[in-house]
Amino acid sequence: DIVLRDLAPTGRIRAAINFGNPVLAQRAVQSGEPQGISVDLARELARRLGVGVDLITFEAAGKVFEALKSSTWDVAFLAIDPVRAAEIAFTAPYVVIEGTYIVRNDSPLHDIGSLDATDLRIAVGKGAAYDLFLTRALRHSELVRADTSAGAVDLFAGDTSLDAAAGVRQPLEDYAAVNPGFRVIPGRFTAIEQAMGTPKGRYAGHAYLTAFVEEMKATGFIAEGLARSGQRDAAVAAAALMAPLQ
């Protein structure tokens, strides 16, 4: 009962689904309905708790975080970040992905370190995990923010005054594959740890989510879900030390 009060206070789990990260959530080609590993996890969590689930969709991670103020959701799928962790209780990560850059083919930039230099301008999705990280990490380059991660790539592609766009490796590589004028920088500037989270103060709910994520990793549920949604290059996070669900 305490877990249900934390994770389904309205009688249903309200799960925030972020389309800004296509590794975790996508729209089905035919129906447009949400799909992907975060959707699979939300539905499995609701099934185990014996309640319904409402998938509340967002176009960017920053918008998910903003919606926390209005108590719009009970469970979210976001990258772990110190700014977010001030208000969200995260589980251990269930997927680890890379943050990197996309540049034009004729760019003189060829490695991660070269992207932090005076006069460089880099497009980012506002409030994305890599935006938060680069805001702390970059000393010289200027960040130019778009509303979404996909919007950051479009902004960069259409503005020659921008030197690069930052983002998650898989969607950047997908973009470069169909746009021959662009290439993705090898390596990463950070490992982005994707986790489940619930608003702080929901202690029983957080404990349940933490054990739930570990079981989903251990049983192969997450690996199978990633493969089913075409995200075979995403890495399932290593197990964390904790007790299984009872």
C-alpha atoms as a PDB file:
ATOM      1  CA  ASP A   1       0.000   0.000   0.000  1.00  0.00           C
ATOM      2  CA  ILE A   2       2.828   2.430   0.786  1.00  0.00           C
ATOM      3  CA  VAL A   3       4.517   1.684  -2.546  1.00  0.00           C
ATOM      4  CA  LEU A   4       1.240   2.261  -4.386  1.00  0.00           C
ATOM      5  CA  ARG A   5       0.716   5.578  -2.595  1.00  0.00           C
ATOM      6  CA  ASP A   6       4.171   6.646  -3.773  1.00  0.00           C
ATOM      7  CA  LEU A   7       4.109   5.370  -7.352  1.00  0.00           C
ATOM      8  CA  ALA A   8       0.399   5.541  -8.166  1.00  0.00           C
ATOM      9  CA  PRO A   9      -1.144   8.217  -5.921  1.00  0.00           C
ATOM     10  CA  THR A  10      -3.996   8.737  -8.419  1.00  0.00           C
ATOM     11  CA  GLY A  11      -4.671   5.008  -8.697  1.00  0.00           C
ATOM     12  CA  ARG A  12      -2.639   4.748 -11.921  1.00  0.00           C
ATOM     13  CA  ILE A  13       1.087   5.148 -12.620  1.00  0.00           C
ATOM     14  CA  ARG A  14       1.738   8.354 -14.549  1.00  0.00           C
ATOM     15  CA  ALA A  15       4.930   7.611 -16.478  1.00  0.00           C
ATOM     16  CA  ALA A  16       6.847  10.403 -18.214  1.00  0.00           C
ATOM     17  CA  ILE A  17       8.086   9.194 -21.616  1.00  0.00           C
ATOM     18  CA  ASN A  18      10.810  11.289 -23.260  1.00  0.00           C
ATOM     19  CA  PHE A  19      10.825  11.197 -27.054  1.00  0.00           C
ATOM     20  CA  GLY A  20      13.921  13.415 -26.986  1.00  0.00           C
ATOM     21  CA  ASN A  21      16.070  10.302 -26.536  1.00  0.00           C
ATOM     22  CA  PRO A  22      15.171   7.818 -29.311  1.00  0.00           C
ATOM     23  CA  VAL A  23      17.309   5.118 -27.695  1.00  0.00           C
ATOM     24  CA  LEU A  24      14.694   4.882 -24.938  1.00  0.00           C
ATOM     25  CA  ALA A  25      11.413   5.857 -26.594  1.00  0.00           C
ATOM     26  CA  GLN A  26      10.131   6.130 -30.140  1.00  0.00           C
ATOM     27  CA  ARG A  27       6.815   6.640 -31.929  1.00  0.00           C
ATOM     28  CA  ALA A  28       5.548   3.527 -33.706  1.00  0.00           C
ATOM     29  CA  VAL A  29       5.692   4.047 -37.478  1.00  0.00           C
ATOM     30  CA  GLN A  30       2.085   3.061 -38.181  1.00  0.00           C
ATOM     31  CA  SER A  31       0.192   4.195 -35.083  1.00  0.00           C
ATOM     32  CA  GLY A  32       2.427   6.892 -33.620  1.00  0.00           C
ATOM     33  CA  GLU A  33       2.002   5.254 -30.226  1.00  0.00           C
ATOM     34  CA  PRO A  34       4.908   5.353 -27.739  1.00  0.00           C
ATOM     35  CA  GLN A  35       7.216   2.351 -27.791  1.00  0.00           C
ATOM     36  CA  GLY A  36      10.714   1.471 -26.602  1.00  0.00           C
ATOM     37  CA  ILE A  37      12.391   0.243 -23.448  1.00  0.00           C
ATOM     38  CA  SER A  38      11.071   3.030 -21.195  1.00  0.00           C
ATOM     39  CA  VAL A  39       7.514   2.209 -22.314  1.00  0.00           C
ATOM     40  CA  ASP A  40       8.151  -1.505 -21.712  1.00  0.00           C
ATOM     41  CA  LEU A  41       9.437  -0.798 -18.205  1.00  0.00           C
ATOM     42  CA  ALA A  42       6.503   1.476 -17.349  1.00  0.00           C
ATOM     43  CA  ARG A  43       3.987  -1.154 -18.428  1.00  0.00           C
ATOM     44  CA  GLU A  44       5.783  -3.968 -16.616  1.00  0.00           C
ATOM     45  CA  LEU A  45       5.945  -1.892 -13.426  1.00  0.00           C
ATOM     46  CA  ALA A  46       2.206  -1.206 -13.629  1.00  0.00           C
ATOM     47  CA  ARG A  47       1.478  -4.887 -14.282  1.00  0.00           C
ATOM     48  CA  ARG A  48       3.427  -5.947 -11.205  1.00  0.00           C
ATOM     49  CA  LEU A  49       1.678  -3.399  -9.016  1.00  0.00           C
ATOM     50  CA  GLY A  50      -1.732  -4.277 -10.411  1.00  0.00           C
ATOM     51  CA  VAL A  51      -2.631  -0.789 -11.635  1.00  0.00           C
ATOM     52  CA  GLY A  52      -3.082   0.970 -14.956  1.00  0.00           C
ATOM     53  CA  VAL A  53      -0.467   3.208 -16.559  1.00  0.00           C
ATOM     54  CA  ASP A  54      -0.776   6.570 -18.284  1.00  0.00           C
ATOM     55  CA  LEU A  55       2.068   7.363 -20.689  1.00  0.00           C
ATOM     56  CA  ILE A  56       2.647  11.115 -20.548  1.00  0.00           C
ATOM     57  CA  THR A  57       4.859  12.068 -23.468  1.00  0.00           C
ATOM     58  CA  PHE A  58       7.397  14.872 -23.747  1.00  0.00           C
ATOM     59  CA  GLU A  59       9.606  16.051 -26.602  1.00  0.00           C
ATOM     60  CA  ALA A  60      12.666  16.713 -24.442  1.00  0.00           C
ATOM     61  CA  ALA A  61      14.173  15.666 -21.116  1.00  0.00           C
ATOM     62  CA  GLY A  62      14.234  19.277 -19.961  1.00  0.00           C
ATOM     63  CA  LYS A  63      10.458  19.408 -20.336  1.00  0.00           C
ATOM     64  CA  VAL A  64      10.099  16.267 -18.207  1.00  0.00           C
ATOM     65  CA  PHE A  65      12.112  17.940 -15.466  1.00  0.00           C
ATOM     66  CA  GLU A  66      10.058  21.141 -15.705  1.00  0.00           C
ATOM     67  CA  ALA A  67       6.839  19.129 -15.349  1.00  0.00           C
ATOM     68  CA  LEU A  68       8.018  17.907 -11.956  1.00  0.00           C
ATOM     69  CA  LYS A  69       6.946  21.287 -10.513  1.00  0.00           C
ATOM     70  CA  SER A  70       3.314  20.619 -11.395  1.00  0.00           C
ATOM     71  CA  SER A  71       3.315  17.000 -10.124  1.00  0.00           C
ATOM     72  CA  THR A  72       2.486  15.770 -13.628  1.00  0.00           C
ATOM     73  CA  TRP A  73       4.214  12.397 -13.343  1.00  0.00           C
ATOM     74  CA  ASP A  74       5.079   9.730 -10.771  1.00  0.00           C
ATOM     75  CA  VAL A  75       7.833   7.842 -12.609  1.00  0.00           C
ATOM     76  CA  ALA A  76      10.278   9.187 -15.187  1.00  0.00           C
ATOM     77  CA  PHE A  77      13.074   7.861 -17.380  1.00  0.00           C
ATOM     78  CA  LEU A  78      15.952  10.336 -17.358  1.00  0.00           C
ATOM     79  CA  ALA A  79      19.718  10.511 -17.279  1.00  0.00           C
ATOM     80  CA  ILE A  80      21.214  10.857 -13.825  1.00  0.00           C
ATOM     81  CA  ASP A  81      22.534  14.380 -13.260  1.00  0.00           C
ATOM     82  CA  PRO A  82      23.325  16.357 -10.071  1.00  0.00           C
ATOM     83  CA  VAL A  83      20.889  19.151 -11.009  1.00  0.00           C
ATOM     84  CA  ARG A  84      18.042  16.688 -11.445  1.00  0.00           C
ATOM     85  CA  ALA A  85      19.071  14.604  -8.429  1.00  0.00           C
ATOM     86  CA  ALA A  86      18.331  17.565  -6.173  1.00  0.00           C
ATOM     87  CA  GLU A  87      14.626  16.931  -6.826  1.00  0.00           C
ATOM     88  CA  ILE A  88      14.414  13.385  -8.206  1.00  0.00           C
ATOM     89  CA  ALA A  89      15.312  10.122  -6.443  1.00  0.00           C
ATOM     90  CA  PHE A  90      17.054   7.985  -9.079  1.00  0.00           C
ATOM     91  CA  THR A  91      17.647   4.263  -9.279  1.00  0.00           C
ATOM     92  CA  ALA A  92      20.979   2.903 -10.446  1.00  0.00           C
ATOM     93  CA  PRO A  93      21.277   3.202 -14.247  1.00  0.00           C
ATOM     94  CA  TYR A  94      19.693   0.606 -16.503  1.00  0.00           C
ATOM     95  CA  VAL A  95      21.227   1.798 -19.809  1.00  0.00           C
ATOM     96  CA  VAL A  96      24.479   3.657 -20.524  1.00  0.00           C
ATOM     97  CA  ILE A  97      24.857   5.677 -23.728  1.00  0.00           C
ATOM     98  CA  GLU A  98      27.515   8.048 -25.056  1.00  0.00           C
ATOM     99  CA  GLY A  99      27.438  11.792 -25.484  1.00  0.00           C
ATOM    100  CA  THR A 100      29.409  13.054 -28.476  1.00  0.00           C
ATOM    101  CA  TYR A 101      29.374  15.638 -31.284  1.00  0.00           C
ATOM    102  CA  ILE A 102      28.392  15.869 -34.932  1.00  0.00           C
ATOM    103  CA  VAL A 103      30.325  18.221 -37.261  1.00  0.00           C
ATOM    104  CA  ARG A 104      30.456  18.969 -40.975  1.00  0.00           C
ATOM    105  CA  ASN A 105      32.725  16.831 -43.120  1.00  0.00           C
ATOM    106  CA  ASP A 106      35.073  19.730 -43.840  1.00  0.00           C
ATOM    107  CA  SER A 107      35.390  20.692 -40.169  1.00  0.00           C
ATOM    108  CA  PRO A 108      38.953  20.864 -38.782  1.00  0.00           C
ATOM    109  CA  LEU A 109      37.617  19.287 -35.554  1.00  0.00           C
ATOM    110  CA  HIS A 110      38.443  15.585 -35.246  1.00  0.00           C
ATOM    111  CA  ASP A 111      38.527  14.659 -31.558  1.00  0.00           C
ATOM    112  CA  ILE A 112      36.530  15.340 -28.406  1.00  0.00           C
ATOM    113  CA  GLY A 113      39.163  17.609 -26.837  1.00  0.00           C
ATOM    114  CA  SER A 114      39.227  19.952 -29.818  1.00  0.00           C
ATOM    115  CA  LEU A 115      35.579  20.922 -29.204  1.00  0.00           C
ATOM    116  CA  ASP A 116      36.429  23.085 -26.192  1.00  0.00           C
ATOM    117  CA  ALA A 117      38.041  26.165 -27.696  1.00  0.00           C
ATOM    118  CA  THR A 118      37.473  29.897 -27.873  1.00  0.00           C
ATOM    119  CA  ASP A 119      35.051  30.997 -30.604  1.00  0.00           C
ATOM    120  CA  LEU A 120      33.489  27.541 -31.028  1.00  0.00           C
ATOM    121  CA  ARG A 121      29.681  27.460 -30.891  1.00  0.00           C
ATOM    122  CA  ILE A 122      27.908  24.174 -30.162  1.00  0.00           C
ATOM    123  CA  ALA A 123      24.178  23.482 -30.467  1.00  0.00           C
ATOM    124  CA  VAL A 124      22.552  21.492 -27.640  1.00  0.00           C
ATOM    125  CA  GLY A 125      19.060  20.476 -26.596  1.00  0.00           C
ATOM    126  CA  LYS A 126      17.979  22.673 -23.692  1.00  0.00           C
ATOM    127  CA  GLY A 127      17.982  20.790 -20.396  1.00  0.00           C
ATOM    128  CA  ALA A 128      19.256  17.519 -21.888  1.00  0.00           C
ATOM    129  CA  ALA A 129      21.720  15.533 -19.779  1.00  0.00           C
ATOM    130  CA  TYR A 130      24.573  16.424 -22.103  1.00  0.00           C
ATOM    131  CA  ASP A 131      23.586  20.133 -21.948  1.00  0.00           C
ATOM    132  CA  LEU A 132      23.805  19.998 -18.151  1.00  0.00           C
ATOM    133  CA  PHE A 133      27.131  18.168 -18.325  1.00  0.00           C
ATOM    134  CA  LEU A 134      28.698  20.464 -20.941  1.00  0.00           C
ATOM    135  CA  THR A 135      27.527  23.535 -19.056  1.00  0.00           C
ATOM    136  CA  ARG A 136      29.748  22.392 -16.200  1.00  0.00           C
ATOM    137  CA  ALA A 137      32.588  20.910 -18.247  1.00  0.00           C
ATOM    138  CA  LEU A 138      33.296  23.296 -21.130  1.00  0.00           C
ATOM    139  CA  ARG A 139      35.590  26.216 -20.366  1.00  0.00           C
ATOM    140  CA  HIS A 140      35.723  28.026 -23.701  1.00  0.00           C
ATOM    141  CA  SER A 141      33.051  26.918 -26.202  1.00  0.00           C
ATOM    142  CA  GLU A 142      29.650  28.624 -26.293  1.00  0.00           C
ATOM    143  CA  LEU A 143      26.502  26.514 -26.014  1.00  0.00           C
ATOM    144  CA  VAL A 144      23.546  27.508 -28.188  1.00  0.00           C
ATOM    145  CA  ARG A 145      20.300  25.907 -26.986  1.00  0.00           C
ATOM    146  CA  ALA A 146      17.402  24.536 -29.020  1.00  0.00           C
ATOM    147  CA  ASP A 147      14.133  23.324 -27.507  1.00  0.00           C
ATOM    148  CA  THR A 148      14.877  19.636 -28.183  1.00  0.00           C
ATOM    149  CA  SER A 149      17.816  17.375 -29.009  1.00  0.00           C
ATOM    150  CA  ALA A 150      16.583  16.839 -32.570  1.00  0.00           C
ATOM    151  CA  GLY A 151      16.079  20.576 -32.855  1.00  0.00           C
ATOM    152  CA  ALA A 152      19.711  21.138 -31.871  1.00  0.00           C
ATOM    153  CA  VAL A 153      20.915  19.049 -34.821  1.00  0.00           C
ATOM    154  CA  ASP A 154      18.567  20.879 -37.192  1.00  0.00           C
ATOM    155  CA  LEU A 155      19.740  24.217 -35.799  1.00  0.00           C
ATOM    156  CA  PHE A 156      23.375  23.271 -36.372  1.00  0.00           C
ATOM    157  CA  ALA A 157      22.728  21.929 -39.869  1.00  0.00           C
ATOM    158  CA  GLY A 158      21.028  25.144 -40.932  1.00  0.00           C
ATOM    159  CA  ASP A 159      23.413  27.649 -39.348  1.00  0.00           C
ATOM    160  CA  THR A 160      26.995  27.753 -40.614  1.00  0.00           C
ATOM    161  CA  SER A 161      28.015  29.944 -37.682  1.00  0.00           C
ATOM    162  CA  LEU A 162      27.656  26.845 -35.484  1.00  0.00           C
ATOM    163  CA  ASP A 163      30.609  24.459 -35.348  1.00  0.00           C
ATOM    164  CA  ALA A 164      28.942  21.322 -33.982  1.00  0.00           C
ATOM    165  CA  ALA A 165      25.934  19.844 -32.249  1.00  0.00           C
ATOM    166  CA  ALA A 166      26.159  17.707 -29.131  1.00  0.00           C
ATOM    167  CA  GLY A 167      23.929  14.723 -28.472  1.00  0.00           C
ATOM    168  CA  VAL A 168      23.482  11.011 -27.950  1.00  0.00           C
ATOM    169  CA  ARG A 169      25.689   8.964 -30.267  1.00  0.00           C
ATOM    170  CA  GLN A 170      23.023   6.730 -31.863  1.00  0.00           C
ATOM    171  CA  PRO A 171      20.701   9.454 -33.220  1.00  0.00           C
ATOM    172  CA  LEU A 172      23.707  11.518 -34.343  1.00  0.00           C
ATOM    173  CA  GLU A 173      25.042   8.543 -36.289  1.00  0.00           C
ATOM    174  CA  ASP A 174      21.595   7.952 -37.781  1.00  0.00           C
ATOM    175  CA  TYR A 175      21.509  11.566 -38.956  1.00  0.00           C
ATOM    176  CA  ALA A 176      24.985  11.397 -40.478  1.00  0.00           C
ATOM    177  CA  ALA A 177      24.094   8.158 -42.273  1.00  0.00           C
ATOM    178  CA  VAL A 178      21.390   9.891 -44.317  1.00  0.00           C
ATOM    179  CA  ASN A 179      23.087  13.291 -44.545  1.00  0.00           C
ATOM    180  CA  PRO A 180      26.481  12.731 -46.237  1.00  0.00           C
ATOM    181  CA  GLY A 181      27.780  16.202 -45.380  1.00  0.00           C
ATOM    182  CA  PHE A 182      28.184  15.356 -41.709  1.00  0.00           C
ATOM    183  CA  ARG A 183      30.269  13.034 -39.518  1.00  0.00           C
ATOM    184  CA  VAL A 184      30.249  12.042 -35.859  1.00  0.00           C
ATOM    185  CA  ILE A 185      33.304  12.638 -33.677  1.00  0.00           C
ATOM    186  CA  PRO A 186      34.763   9.363 -32.305  1.00  0.00           C
ATOM    187  CA  GLY A 187      34.901   8.858 -28.556  1.00  0.00           C
ATOM    188  CA  ARG A 188      32.657  10.497 -25.965  1.00  0.00           C
ATOM    189  CA  PHE A 189      32.672  13.501 -23.688  1.00  0.00           C
ATOM    190  CA  THR A 190      30.574  11.667 -21.095  1.00  0.00           C
ATOM    191  CA  ALA A 191      28.798   8.394 -20.389  1.00  0.00           C
ATOM    192  CA  ILE A 192      25.101   9.178 -19.972  1.00  0.00           C
ATOM    193  CA  GLU A 193      23.531   6.932 -17.334  1.00  0.00           C
ATOM    194  CA  GLN A 194      19.804   6.448 -17.919  1.00  0.00           C
ATOM    195  CA  ALA A 195      17.752   5.589 -14.839  1.00  0.00           C
ATOM    196  CA  MET A 196      14.234   5.498 -13.485  1.00  0.00           C
ATOM    197  CA  GLY A 197      13.276   8.190 -11.031  1.00  0.00           C
ATOM    198  CA  THR A 198      10.452   9.395  -8.826  1.00  0.00           C
ATOM    199  CA  PRO A 199       9.992  12.716  -7.002  1.00  0.00           C
ATOM    200  CA  LYS A 200      12.067  12.942  -3.837  1.00  0.00           C
ATOM    201  CA  GLY A 201      10.354  12.008  -0.616  1.00  0.00           C
ATOM    202  CA  ARG A 202       8.649   8.914  -2.008  1.00  0.00           C
ATOM    203  CA  TYR A 203      10.923   6.567  -0.088  1.00  0.00           C
ATOM    204  CA  ALA A 204       9.034   3.284  -0.403  1.00  0.00           C
ATOM    205  CA  GLY A 205       8.405   3.908  -4.078  1.00  0.00           C
ATOM    206  CA  HIS A 206      12.048   4.668  -4.722  1.00  0.00           C
ATOM    207  CA  ALA A 207      13.158   1.499  -2.916  1.00  0.00           C
ATOM    208  CA  TYR A 208      10.762  -0.564  -5.025  1.00  0.00           C
ATOM    209  CA  LEU A 209      11.927   1.068  -8.271  1.00  0.00           C
ATOM    210  CA  THR A 210      15.558   0.461  -7.347  1.00  0.00           C
ATOM    211  CA  ALA A 211      15.002  -3.269  -6.872  1.00  0.00           C
ATOM    212  CA  PHE A 212      12.745  -3.422  -9.945  1.00  0.00           C
ATOM    213  CA  VAL A 213      15.453  -1.978 -12.207  1.00  0.00           C
ATOM    214  CA  GLU A 214      18.041  -4.436 -10.943  1.00  0.00           C
ATOM    215  CA  GLU A 215      15.720  -7.364 -11.618  1.00  0.00           C
ATOM    216  CA  MET A 216      14.926  -6.076 -15.116  1.00  0.00           C
ATOM    217  CA  LYS A 217      18.643  -5.898 -15.907  1.00  0.00           C
ATOM    218  CA  ALA A 218      19.402  -9.320 -14.452  1.00  0.00           C
ATOM    219  CA  THR A 219      16.575 -11.174 -16.225  1.00  0.00           C
ATOM    220  CA  GLY A 220      17.422  -9.800 -19.680  1.00  0.00           C
ATOM    221  CA  PHE A 221      14.180  -7.785 -19.889  1.00  0.00           C
ATOM    222  CA  ILE A 222      16.057  -4.576 -20.729  1.00  0.00           C
ATOM    223  CA  ALA A 223      18.395  -6.178 -23.268  1.00  0.00           C
ATOM    224  CA  GLU A 224      15.439  -7.799 -25.010  1.00  0.00           C
ATOM    225  CA  GLY A 225      13.478  -4.542 -25.041  1.00  0.00           C
ATOM    226  CA  LEU A 226      16.388  -2.623 -26.536  1.00  0.00           C
ATOM    227  CA  ALA A 227      16.806  -5.228 -29.264  1.00  0.00           C
ATOM    228  CA  ARG A 228      13.081  -5.249 -30.009  1.00  0.00           C
ATOM    229  CA  SER A 229      13.112  -1.485 -30.587  1.00  0.00           C
ATOM    230  CA  GLY A 230      16.239  -1.622 -32.783  1.00  0.00           C
ATOM    231  CA  GLN A 231      18.643  -0.217 -30.172  1.00  0.00           C
ATOM    232  CA  ARG A 232      21.168  -3.051 -30.094  1.00  0.00           C
ATOM    233  CA  ASP A 233      24.123  -0.662 -29.730  1.00  0.00           C
ATOM    234  CA  ALA A 234      22.907   0.667 -26.372  1.00  0.00           C
ATOM    235  CA  ALA A 235      24.645  -0.968 -23.406  1.00  0.00           C
ATOM    236  CA  VAL A 236      22.716  -2.398 -20.463  1.00  0.00           C
ATOM    237  CA  ALA A 237      24.212  -0.960 -17.283  1.00  0.00           C
ATOM    238  CA  ALA A 238      26.128  -3.185 -14.893  1.00  0.00           C
ATOM    239  CA  ALA A 239      24.322  -4.621 -11.898  1.00  0.00           C
ATOM    240  CA  ALA A 240      24.261  -2.580  -8.710  1.00  0.00           C
ATOM    241  CA  LEU A 241      24.667  -4.230  -5.322  1.00  0.00           C
ATOM    242  CA  MET A 242      21.246  -4.635  -3.791  1.00  0.00           C
ATOM    243  CA  ALA A 243      18.645  -7.107  -2.595  1.00  0.00           C
ATOM    244  CA  PRO A 244      16.083  -8.541  -5.028  1.00  0.00           C
ATOM    245  CA  LEU A 245      12.370  -7.734  -4.865  1.00  0.00           C
ATOM    246  CA  GLN A 246      10.438  -9.735  -2.255  1.00  0.00           C
END
